[in-house]
PDB file of N, CA and C in Angstrom:
ATOM      1  N   MET A   1      13.106  33.407 -47.395  1.00  0.00           N
ATOM      2  CA  MET A   1      13.639  34.284 -48.404  1.00  0.00           C
ATOM      3  C   MET A   1      12.720  35.832 -48.097  1.00  0.00           C
ATOM      4  N   LYS A   2      13.540  36.747 -47.662  1.00  0.00           N
ATOM      5  CA  LYS A   2      13.350  37.552 -47.228  1.00  0.00           C
ATOM      6  C   LYS A   2      13.533  38.832 -48.192  1.00  0.00           C
ATOM      7  N   ASN A   3      12.216  39.695 -48.651  1.00  0.00           N
ATOM      8  CA  ASN A   3      11.940  40.424 -49.528  1.00  0.00           C
ATOM      9  C   ASN A   3      12.404  40.039 -51.018  1.00  0.00           C
ATOM     10  N   LYS A   4      11.829  38.696 -51.238  1.00  0.00           N
ATOM     11  CA  LYS A   4      11.233  37.975 -52.334  1.00  0.00           C
ATOM     12  C   LYS A   4      10.675  38.724 -53.573  1.00  0.00           C
ATOM     13  N   SER A   5      10.980  39.301 -54.477  1.00  0.00           N
ATOM     14  CA  SER A   5       9.798  39.726 -55.301  1.00  0.00           C
ATOM     15  C   SER A   5       9.113  38.462 -55.944  1.00  0.00           C
ATOM     16  N   ILE A   6       7.807  39.027 -55.866  1.00  0.00           N
ATOM     17  CA  ILE A   6       6.841  37.900 -56.162  1.00  0.00           C
ATOM     18  C   ILE A   6       6.304  38.153 -57.650  1.00  0.00           C
ATOM     19  N   GLN A   7       6.347  37.894 -58.548  1.00  0.00           N
ATOM     20  CA  GLN A   7       5.980  38.145 -59.764  1.00  0.00           C
ATOM     21  C   GLN A   7       5.464  36.720 -60.604  1.00  0.00           C
ATOM     22  N   GLN A   8       4.694  37.023 -61.495  1.00  0.00           N
ATOM     23  CA  GLN A   8       4.432  35.745 -62.595  1.00  0.00           C
ATOM     24  C   GLN A   8       5.419  34.937 -63.016  1.00  0.00           C
ATOM     25  N   PHE A   9       5.494  33.675 -63.040  1.00  0.00           N
ATOM     26  CA  PHE A   9       6.162  32.639 -63.149  1.00  0.00           C
ATOM     27  C   PHE A   9       7.256  32.332 -62.086  1.00  0.00           C
ATOM     28  N   THR A  10       7.121  32.808 -60.645  1.00  0.00           N
ATOM     29  CA  THR A  10       7.712  32.742 -59.504  1.00  0.00           C
ATOM     30  C   THR A  10       7.591  31.306 -58.956  1.00  0.00           C
ATOM     31  N   THR A  11       8.520  30.609 -59.106  1.00  0.00           N
ATOM     32  CA  THR A  11       8.623  29.071 -58.493  1.00  0.00           C
ATOM     33  C   THR A  11       7.606  29.105 -56.659  1.00  0.00           C
ATOM     34  N   VAL A  12       6.892  28.152 -56.738  1.00  0.00           N
ATOM     35  CA  VAL A  12       6.079  28.033 -55.211  1.00  0.00           C
ATOM     36  C   VAL A  12       5.758  26.614 -55.258  1.00  0.00           C
ATOM     37  N   HIS A  13       6.093  26.220 -53.889  1.00  0.00           N
ATOM     38  CA  HIS A  13       5.799  24.776 -53.515  1.00  0.00           C
ATOM     39  C   HIS A  13       4.812  24.484 -52.647  1.00  0.00           C
ATOM     40  N   HIS A  14       3.735  23.230 -53.046  1.00  0.00           N
ATOM     41  CA  HIS A  14       2.139  23.192 -52.089  1.00  0.00           C
ATOM     42  C   HIS A  14       2.518  21.680 -51.549  1.00  0.00           C
ATOM     43  N   MET A  15       2.317  22.185 -50.399  1.00  0.00           N
ATOM     44  CA  MET A  15       2.190  20.997 -49.578  1.00  0.00           C
ATOM     45  C   MET A  15       1.571  19.302 -50.409  1.00  0.00           C
ATOM     46  N   GLU A  16       0.519  19.473 -50.762  1.00  0.00           N
ATOM     47  CA  GLU A  16      -0.020  18.348 -51.494  1.00  0.00           C
ATOM     48  C   GLU A  16       0.594  18.198 -53.418  1.00  0.00           C
ATOM     49  N   TYR A  17       0.320  19.418 -53.375  1.00  0.00           N
ATOM     50  CA  TYR A  17       0.293  19.379 -55.199  1.00  0.00           C
ATOM     51  C   TYR A  17       2.098  19.614 -55.444  1.00  0.00           C
ATOM     52  N   GLY A  18       3.021  19.714 -54.771  1.00  0.00           N
ATOM     53  CA  GLY A  18       4.320  19.857 -55.347  1.00  0.00           C
ATOM     54  C   GLY A  18       4.735  20.872 -55.951  1.00  0.00           C
ATOM     55  N   LYS A  19       5.763  21.063 -56.691  1.00  0.00           N
ATOM     56  CA  LYS A  19       6.049  22.460 -57.498  1.00  0.00           C
ATOM     57  C   LYS A  19       5.542  22.939 -58.437  1.00  0.00           C
ATOM     58  N   GLY A  20       5.117  24.360 -58.285  1.00  0.00           N
ATOM     59  CA  GLY A  20       4.392  24.938 -59.545  1.00  0.00           C
ATOM     60  C   GLY A  20       4.931  26.548 -59.714  1.00  0.00           C
ATOM     61  N   HIS A  21       4.047  27.365 -60.028  1.00  0.00           N
ATOM     62  CA  HIS A  21       4.249  28.526 -60.536  1.00  0.00           C
ATOM     63  C   HIS A  21       3.367  29.736 -59.960  1.00  0.00           C
ATOM     64  N   ILE A  22       3.504  30.855 -60.270  1.00  0.00           N
ATOM     65  CA  ILE A  22       2.491  31.664 -60.238  1.00  0.00           C
ATOM     66  C   ILE A  22       2.190  32.343 -61.792  1.00  0.00           C
ATOM     67  N   VAL A  23       0.812  31.824 -61.976  1.00  0.00           N
ATOM     68  CA  VAL A  23       0.292  32.240 -63.310  1.00  0.00           C
ATOM     69  C   VAL A  23      -0.415  33.341 -63.728  1.00  0.00           C
ATOM     70  N   GLY A  24      -0.841  34.048 -62.178  1.00  0.00           N
ATOM     71  CA  GLY A  24      -1.515  35.376 -62.235  1.00  0.00           C
ATOM     72  C   GLY A  24      -1.507  36.224 -61.011  1.00  0.00           C
ATOM     73  N   ILE A  25      -1.727  37.607 -61.001  1.00  0.00           N
ATOM     74  CA  ILE A  25      -1.533  37.846 -60.074  1.00  0.00           C
ATOM     75  C   ILE A  25      -2.378  39.242 -59.974  1.00  0.00           C
ATOM     76  N   THR A  26      -3.413  39.268 -58.741  1.00  0.00           N
ATOM     77  CA  THR A  26      -4.367  40.429 -58.529  1.00  0.00           C
ATOM     78  C   THR A  26      -4.423  40.888 -57.685  1.00  0.00           C
ATOM     79  N   PRO A  27      -3.798  42.364 -57.903  1.00  0.00           N
ATOM     80  CA  PRO A  27      -3.925  43.559 -56.762  1.00  0.00           C
ATOM     81  C   PRO A  27      -5.586  43.204 -55.586  1.00  0.00           C
ATOM     82  N   LYS A  28      -5.134  43.305 -54.345  1.00  0.00           N
ATOM     83  CA  LYS A  28      -6.172  43.319 -53.389  1.00  0.00           C
ATOM     84  C   LYS A  28      -5.784  44.408 -52.389  1.00  0.00           C
ATOM     85  N   GLY A  29      -6.037  45.264 -52.457  1.00  0.00           N
ATOM     86  CA  GLY A  29      -5.872  46.102 -51.241  1.00  0.00           C
ATOM     87  C   GLY A  29      -4.219  46.646 -51.043  1.00  0.00           C
ATOM     88  N   ARG A  30      -3.703  46.271 -50.054  1.00  0.00           N
ATOM     89  CA  ARG A  30      -2.342  46.501 -50.247  1.00  0.00           C
ATOM     90  C   ARG A  30      -1.833  45.013 -50.316  1.00  0.00           C
ATOM     91  N   ASP A  31      -2.197  43.919 -50.688  1.00  0.00           N
ATOM     92  CA  ASP A  31      -1.645  43.202 -50.665  1.00  0.00           C
ATOM     93  C   ASP A  31      -1.941  42.484 -52.617  1.00  0.00           C
ATOM     94  N   GLN A  32      -1.526  40.958 -52.941  1.00  0.00           N
ATOM     95  CA  GLN A  32      -1.882  40.681 -54.096  1.00  0.00           C
ATOM     96  C   GLN A  32      -2.553  39.293 -53.856  1.00  0.00           C
ATOM     97  N   LEU A  33      -3.176  38.758 -54.936  1.00  0.00           N
ATOM     98  CA  LEU A  33      -3.735  37.690 -55.108  1.00  0.00           C
ATOM     99  C   LEU A  33      -2.960  36.875 -55.876  1.00  0.00           C
ATOM    100  N   CYS A  34      -2.319  35.610 -55.862  1.00  0.00           N
ATOM    101  CA  CYS A  34      -1.765  35.035 -56.616  1.00  0.00           C
ATOM    102  C   CYS A  34      -2.538  33.784 -56.857  1.00  0.00           C
ATOM    103  N   MET A  35      -2.439  33.275 -58.273  1.00  0.00           N
ATOM    104  CA  MET A  35      -3.044  32.154 -58.722  1.00  0.00           C
ATOM    105  C   MET A  35      -1.882  31.243 -59.273  1.00  0.00           C
ATOM    106  N   CYS A  36      -1.646  29.642 -58.305  1.00  0.00           N
ATOM    107  CA  CYS A  36      -0.878  29.441 -58.464  1.00  0.00           C
ATOM    108  C   CYS A  36      -1.273  28.074 -59.511  1.00  0.00           C
ATOM    109  N   TYR A  37      -0.613  27.503 -60.373  1.00  0.00           N
ATOM    110  CA  TYR A  37      -0.499  26.269 -61.021  1.00  0.00           C
ATOM    111  C   TYR A  37       0.265  25.077 -60.915  1.00  0.00           C
ATOM    112  N   PHE A  38       0.018  23.931 -60.656  1.00  0.00           N
ATOM    113  CA  PHE A  38       0.777  23.101 -60.348  1.00  0.00           C
ATOM    114  C   PHE A  38       0.643  21.795 -61.493  1.00  0.00           C
ATOM    115  N   PRO A  39       1.598  21.867 -62.321  1.00  0.00           N
ATOM    116  CA  PRO A  39       1.592  20.987 -63.660  1.00  0.00           C
ATOM    117  C   PRO A  39       1.307  19.490 -63.475  1.00  0.00           C
ATOM    118  N   LYS A  40       2.262  19.112 -62.489  1.00  0.00           N
ATOM    119  CA  LYS A  40       2.294  17.383 -62.095  1.00  0.00           C
ATOM    120  C   LYS A  40       0.683  16.995 -61.508  1.00  0.00           C
ATOM    121  N   ALA A  41       0.179  17.952 -60.734  1.00  0.00           N
ATOM    122  CA  ALA A  41      -1.086  17.355 -60.281  1.00  0.00           C
ATOM    123  C   ALA A  41      -2.252  18.141 -61.071  1.00  0.00           C
ATOM    124  N   LYS A  42      -1.879  19.007 -61.784  1.00  0.00           N
ATOM    125  CA  LYS A  42      -2.975  19.597 -62.827  1.00  0.00           C
ATOM    126  C   LYS A  42      -3.761  20.160 -62.133  1.00  0.00           C
ATOM    127  N   GLN A  43      -3.693  20.954 -61.061  1.00  0.00           N
ATOM    128  CA  GLN A  43      -4.291  21.399 -59.995  1.00  0.00           C
ATOM    129  C   GLN A  43      -3.743  23.373 -60.349  1.00  0.00           C
ATOM    130  N   HIS A  44      -4.936  24.166 -59.234  1.00  0.00           N
ATOM    131  CA  HIS A  44      -4.324  25.352 -59.067  1.00  0.00           C
ATOM    132  C   HIS A  44      -4.908  25.749 -57.673  1.00  0.00           C
ATOM    133  N   ASP A  45      -4.239  26.789 -57.289  1.00  0.00           N
ATOM    134  CA  ASP A  45      -5.044  27.109 -55.831  1.00  0.00           C
ATOM    135  C   ASP A  45      -4.192  28.760 -55.840  1.00  0.00           C
ATOM    136  N   TRP A  46      -4.840  29.339 -54.608  1.00  0.00           N
ATOM    137  CA  TRP A  46      -4.762  30.760 -54.604  1.00  0.00           C
ATOM    138  C   TRP A  46      -3.886  31.294 -53.092  1.00  0.00           C
ATOM    139  N   VAL A  47      -3.146  32.354 -53.182  1.00  0.00           N
ATOM    140  CA  VAL A  47      -2.260  32.832 -51.961  1.00  0.00           C
ATOM    141  C   VAL A  47      -2.058  34.062 -52.236  1.00  0.00           C
ATOM    142  N   LEU A  48      -1.988  34.698 -50.839  1.00  0.00           N
ATOM    143  CA  LEU A  48      -1.765  35.942 -50.861  1.00  0.00           C
ATOM    144  C   LEU A  48      -0.415  36.166 -50.898  1.00  0.00           C
ATOM    145  N   SER A  49       0.533  37.060 -51.517  1.00  0.00           N
ATOM    146  CA  SER A  49       1.751  37.240 -51.441  1.00  0.00           C
ATOM    147  C   SER A  49       2.398  37.557 -50.772  1.00  0.00           C
ATOM    148  N   SER A  50       1.557  38.466 -49.575  1.00  0.00           N
ATOM    149  CA  SER A  50       2.470  38.613 -48.318  1.00  0.00           C
ATOM    150  C   SER A  50       2.576  37.124 -47.512  1.00  0.00           C
ATOM    151  N   SER A  51       1.559  36.021 -47.840  1.00  0.00           N
ATOM    152  CA  SER A  51       1.816  35.026 -47.057  1.00  0.00           C
ATOM    153  C   SER A  51       2.708  34.299 -47.511  1.00  0.00           C
ATOM    154  N   LEU A  52       3.041  34.482 -49.050  1.00  0.00           N
ATOM    155  CA  LEU A  52       4.676  33.482 -49.349  1.00  0.00           C
ATOM    156  C   LEU A  52       5.708  34.501 -48.760  1.00  0.00           C
ATOM    157  N   GLN A  53       5.771  35.574 -48.860  1.00  0.00           N
ATOM    158  CA  GLN A  53       6.748  36.560 -48.319  1.00  0.00           C
ATOM    159  C   GLN A  53       7.084  36.170 -46.825  1.00  0.00           C
ATOM    160  N   LYS A  54       6.379  36.379 -46.022  1.00  0.00           N
ATOM    161  CA  LYS A  54       6.289  35.965 -44.634  1.00  0.00           C
ATOM    162  C   LYS A  54       6.477  34.421 -44.721  1.00  0.00           C
ATOM    163  N   ASN A  55       6.195  33.590 -45.328  1.00  0.00           N
ATOM    164  CA  ASN A  55       6.129  32.110 -45.168  1.00  0.00           C
ATOM    165  C   ASN A  55       5.344  31.774 -43.852  1.00  0.00           C
ATOM    166  N   THR A  56       3.904  31.775 -43.753  1.00  0.00           N
ATOM    167  CA  THR A  56       3.008  32.062 -42.804  1.00  0.00           C
ATOM    168  C   THR A  56       1.867  31.221 -43.594  1.00  0.00           C
ATOM    169  N   ASP A  57       1.464  30.694 -44.938  1.00  0.00           N
ATOM    170  CA  ASP A  57       0.710  29.991 -45.370  1.00  0.00           C
ATOM    171  C   ASP A  57       0.942  28.495 -45.185  1.00  0.00           C
ATOM    172  N   ASP A  58      -0.172  27.654 -44.715  1.00  0.00           N
ATOM    173  CA  ASP A  58       0.115  26.340 -44.032  1.00  0.00           C
ATOM    174  C   ASP A  58       0.473  25.384 -45.477  1.00  0.00           C
ATOM    175  N   LEU A  59      -0.083  25.839 -46.637  1.00  0.00           N
ATOM    176  CA  LEU A  59       0.074  24.850 -47.864  1.00  0.00           C
ATOM    177  C   LEU A  59       1.034  25.305 -48.749  1.00  0.00           C
ATOM    178  N   MET A  60       1.409  26.429 -48.801  1.00  0.00           N
ATOM    179  CA  MET A  60       2.231  27.016 -50.116  1.00  0.00           C
ATOM    180  C   MET A  60       3.659  27.690 -49.497  1.00  0.00           C
ATOM    181  N   SER A  61       4.453  27.430 -50.069  1.00  0.00           N
ATOM    182  CA  SER A  61       5.873  28.474 -49.798  1.00  0.00           C
ATOM    183  C   SER A  61       6.845  28.642 -50.851  1.00  0.00           C
ATOM    184  N   LEU A  62       7.316  29.154 -50.993  1.00  0.00           N
ATOM    185  CA  LEU A  62       8.457  29.706 -51.590  1.00  0.00           C
ATOM    186  C   LEU A  62       9.802  28.766 -51.791  1.00  0.00           C
ATOM    187  N   GLU A  63       9.835  28.058 -50.837  1.00  0.00           N
ATOM    188  CA  GLU A  63      10.806  26.973 -50.547  1.00  0.00           C
ATOM    189  C   GLU A  63      10.181  25.656 -50.226  1.00  0.00           C
ATOM    190  N   PRO A  64      10.823  24.600 -50.835  1.00  0.00           N
ATOM    191  CA  PRO A  64      10.405  23.023 -50.650  1.00  0.00           C
ATOM    192  C   PRO A  64       9.709  22.641 -49.220  1.00  0.00           C
ATOM    193  N   MET A  65       8.539  22.151 -49.550  1.00  0.00           N
ATOM    194  CA  MET A  65       7.923  21.666 -48.181  1.00  0.00           C
ATOM    195  C   MET A  65       7.721  20.136 -47.927  1.00  0.00           C
ATOM    196  N   THR A  66       8.338  19.842 -47.138  1.00  0.00           N
ATOM    197  CA  THR A  66       7.773  18.270 -46.326  1.00  0.00           C
ATOM    198  C   THR A  66       6.144  18.085 -46.206  1.00  0.00           C
ATOM    199  N   PRO A  67       5.957  17.020 -46.324  1.00  0.00           N
ATOM    200  CA  PRO A  67       4.422  16.586 -46.027  1.00  0.00           C
ATOM    201  C   PRO A  67       4.565  16.765 -44.722  1.00  0.00           C
ATOM    202  N   GLN A  68       3.105  17.195 -43.732  1.00  0.00           N
ATOM    203  CA  GLN A  68       2.925  17.357 -42.383  1.00  0.00           C
ATOM    204  C   GLN A  68       3.020  15.696 -41.818  1.00  0.00           C
ATOM    205  N   ASP A  69       2.463  14.617 -42.921  1.00  0.00           N
ATOM    206  CA  ASP A  69       2.311  13.284 -41.939  1.00  0.00           C
ATOM    207  C   ASP A  69       3.882  13.118 -41.619  1.00  0.00           C
ATOM    208  N   ASP A  70       4.783  13.286 -42.153  1.00  0.00           N
ATOM    209  CA  ASP A  70       6.149  12.787 -42.095  1.00  0.00           C
ATOM    210  C   ASP A  70       6.420  13.316 -40.479  1.00  0.00           C
ATOM    211  N   MET A  71       5.835  14.225 -39.874  1.00  0.00           N
ATOM    212  CA  MET A  71       6.264  15.297 -38.638  1.00  0.00           C
ATOM    213  C   MET A  71       5.756  14.300 -37.356  1.00  0.00           C
ATOM    214  N   VAL A  72       4.495  13.537 -37.895  1.00  0.00           N
ATOM    215  CA  VAL A  72       4.316  13.161 -36.566  1.00  0.00           C
ATOM    216  C   VAL A  72       4.897  11.329 -36.500  1.00  0.00           C
ATOM    217  N   SER A  73       5.826  10.973 -35.864  1.00  0.00           N
ATOM    218  CA  SER A  73       6.467   9.867 -35.466  1.00  0.00           C
ATOM    219  C   SER A  73       5.291   8.737 -35.520  1.00  0.00           C
ATOM    220  N   ASP A  74       5.932   7.499 -35.688  1.00  0.00           N
ATOM    221  CA  ASP A  74       4.869   6.356 -35.521  1.00  0.00           C
ATOM    222  C   ASP A  74       4.579   5.876 -33.578  1.00  0.00           C
ATOM    223  N   ASP A  75       5.558   6.398 -33.475  1.00  0.00           N
ATOM    224  CA  ASP A  75       5.210   6.381 -31.751  1.00  0.00           C
ATOM    225  C   ASP A  75       4.265   6.999 -31.295  1.00  0.00           C
ATOM    226  N   LEU A  76       4.042   7.984 -31.764  1.00  0.00           N
ATOM    227  CA  LEU A  76       3.322   9.148 -31.367  1.00  0.00           C
ATOM    228  C   LEU A  76       1.958   8.621 -31.667  1.00  0.00           C
ATOM    229  N   LYS A  77       1.721   8.084 -33.132  1.00  0.00           N
ATOM    230  CA  LYS A  77       0.662   7.394 -33.584  1.00  0.00           C
ATOM    231  C   LYS A  77       0.195   6.149 -32.724  1.00  0.00           C
ATOM    232  N   ASP A  78       0.794   5.700 -32.219  1.00  0.00           N
ATOM    233  CA  ASP A  78       0.653   4.386 -31.575  1.00  0.00           C
ATOM    234  C   ASP A  78       0.179   4.507 -30.429  1.00  0.00           C
ATOM    235  N   LEU A  79       0.708   5.685 -29.568  1.00  0.00           N
ATOM    236  CA  LEU A  79       0.344   6.117 -28.371  1.00  0.00           C
ATOM    237  C   LEU A  79      -1.282   6.765 -28.036  1.00  0.00           C
ATOM    238  N   ILE A  80      -1.463   7.611 -29.773  1.00  0.00           N
ATOM    239  CA  ILE A  80      -2.622   8.172 -29.348  1.00  0.00           C
ATOM    240  C   ILE A  80      -3.768   6.819 -29.644  1.00  0.00           C
ATOM    241  N   THR A  81      -3.510   6.254 -30.676  1.00  0.00           N
ATOM    242  CA  THR A  81      -4.084   4.824 -30.797  1.00  0.00           C
ATOM    243  C   THR A  81      -4.575   3.936 -29.426  1.00  0.00           C
ATOM    244  N   GLN A  82      -3.558   3.889 -28.527  1.00  0.00           N
ATOM    245  CA  GLN A  82      -3.624   3.298 -27.597  1.00  0.00           C
ATOM    246  C   GLN A  82      -4.493   3.949 -26.412  1.00  0.00           C
ATOM    247  N   ALA A  83      -4.321   5.077 -26.462  1.00  0.00           N
ATOM    248  CA  ALA A  83      -4.901   6.191 -25.247  1.00  0.00           C
ATOM    249  C   ALA A  83      -6.876   6.065 -25.894  1.00  0.00           C
ATOM    250  N   PHE A  84      -7.135   6.148 -26.984  1.00  0.00           N
ATOM    251  CA  PHE A  84      -8.405   6.140 -27.253  1.00  0.00           C
ATOM    252  C   PHE A  84      -8.817   4.683 -27.689  1.00  0.00           C
ATOM    253  N   PHE A  85      -8.037   3.508 -28.083  1.00  0.00           N
ATOM    254  CA  PHE A  85      -8.748   2.241 -28.683  1.00  0.00           C
ATOM    255  C   PHE A  85      -8.307   1.244 -27.572  1.00  0.00           C
ATOM    256  N   GLY A  86      -7.435   1.121 -26.547  1.00  0.00           N
ATOM    257  CA  GLY A  86      -6.947   0.452 -25.633  1.00  0.00           C
ATOM    258  C   GLY A  86      -5.578  -0.441 -26.567  1.00  0.00           C
ATOM    259  N   GLY A  87      -5.076   0.309 -27.735  1.00  0.00           N
ATOM    260  CA  GLY A  87      -4.468  -0.564 -28.571  1.00  0.00           C
ATOM    261  C   GLY A  87      -4.807  -1.631 -29.737  1.00  0.00           C
ATOM    262  N   GLN A  88      -6.414  -1.502 -29.649  1.00  0.00           N
ATOM    263  CA  GLN A  88      -7.079  -2.249 -30.583  1.00  0.00           C
ATOM    264  C   GLN A  88      -7.368  -1.418 -31.787  1.00  0.00           C
ATOM    265  N   PRO A  89      -7.736  -1.558 -32.876  1.00  0.00           N
ATOM    266  CA  PRO A  89      -8.375  -1.120 -33.785  1.00  0.00           C
ATOM    267  C   PRO A  89      -9.501  -0.575 -33.761  1.00  0.00           C
ATOM    268  N   PRO A  90      -9.813   0.293 -34.050  1.00  0.00           N
ATOM    269  CA  PRO A  90     -11.735   0.559 -33.847  1.00  0.00           C
ATOM    270  C   PRO A  90     -12.199  -0.632 -34.394  1.00  0.00           C
ATOM    271  N   GLN A  91     -13.431  -0.875 -33.697  1.00  0.00           N
ATOM    272  CA  GLN A  91     -14.457  -1.959 -34.350  1.00  0.00           C
ATOM    273  C   GLN A  91     -15.571  -1.199 -35.130  1.00  0.00           C
ATOM    274  N   SER A  92     -15.832  -1.729 -35.979  1.00  0.00           N
ATOM    275  CA  SER A  92     -17.368  -1.145 -36.781  1.00  0.00           C
ATOM    276  C   SER A  92     -18.507  -1.956 -36.049  1.00  0.00           C
ATOM    277  N   ARG A  93     -19.783  -0.947 -36.311  1.00  0.00           N
ATOM    278  CA  ARG A  93     -20.697  -1.498 -35.525  1.00  0.00           C
ATOM    279  C   ARG A  93     -21.672  -2.149 -36.559  1.00  0.00           C
TER     280      ARG A  93
END
């Protein structure tokens, strides 16, 4: 979303908390610090408005995000397990 206006009640999406909105904006130099609230998780988080506009934040975006766990395939997880543990689950001592 290019040049999207960031203001109070703008919808944001968090990787863990889901859909929320901006509840407060504080000027920070040439940028703005946005406080976001996520009602389903009953959590809040902060993000710079420049990070939202450029979509460079790891946890929040103006567009829906998919969890990163889905990005790693089961085959890759199996290969990593085999490389480190010889294909067997780690043994506790």
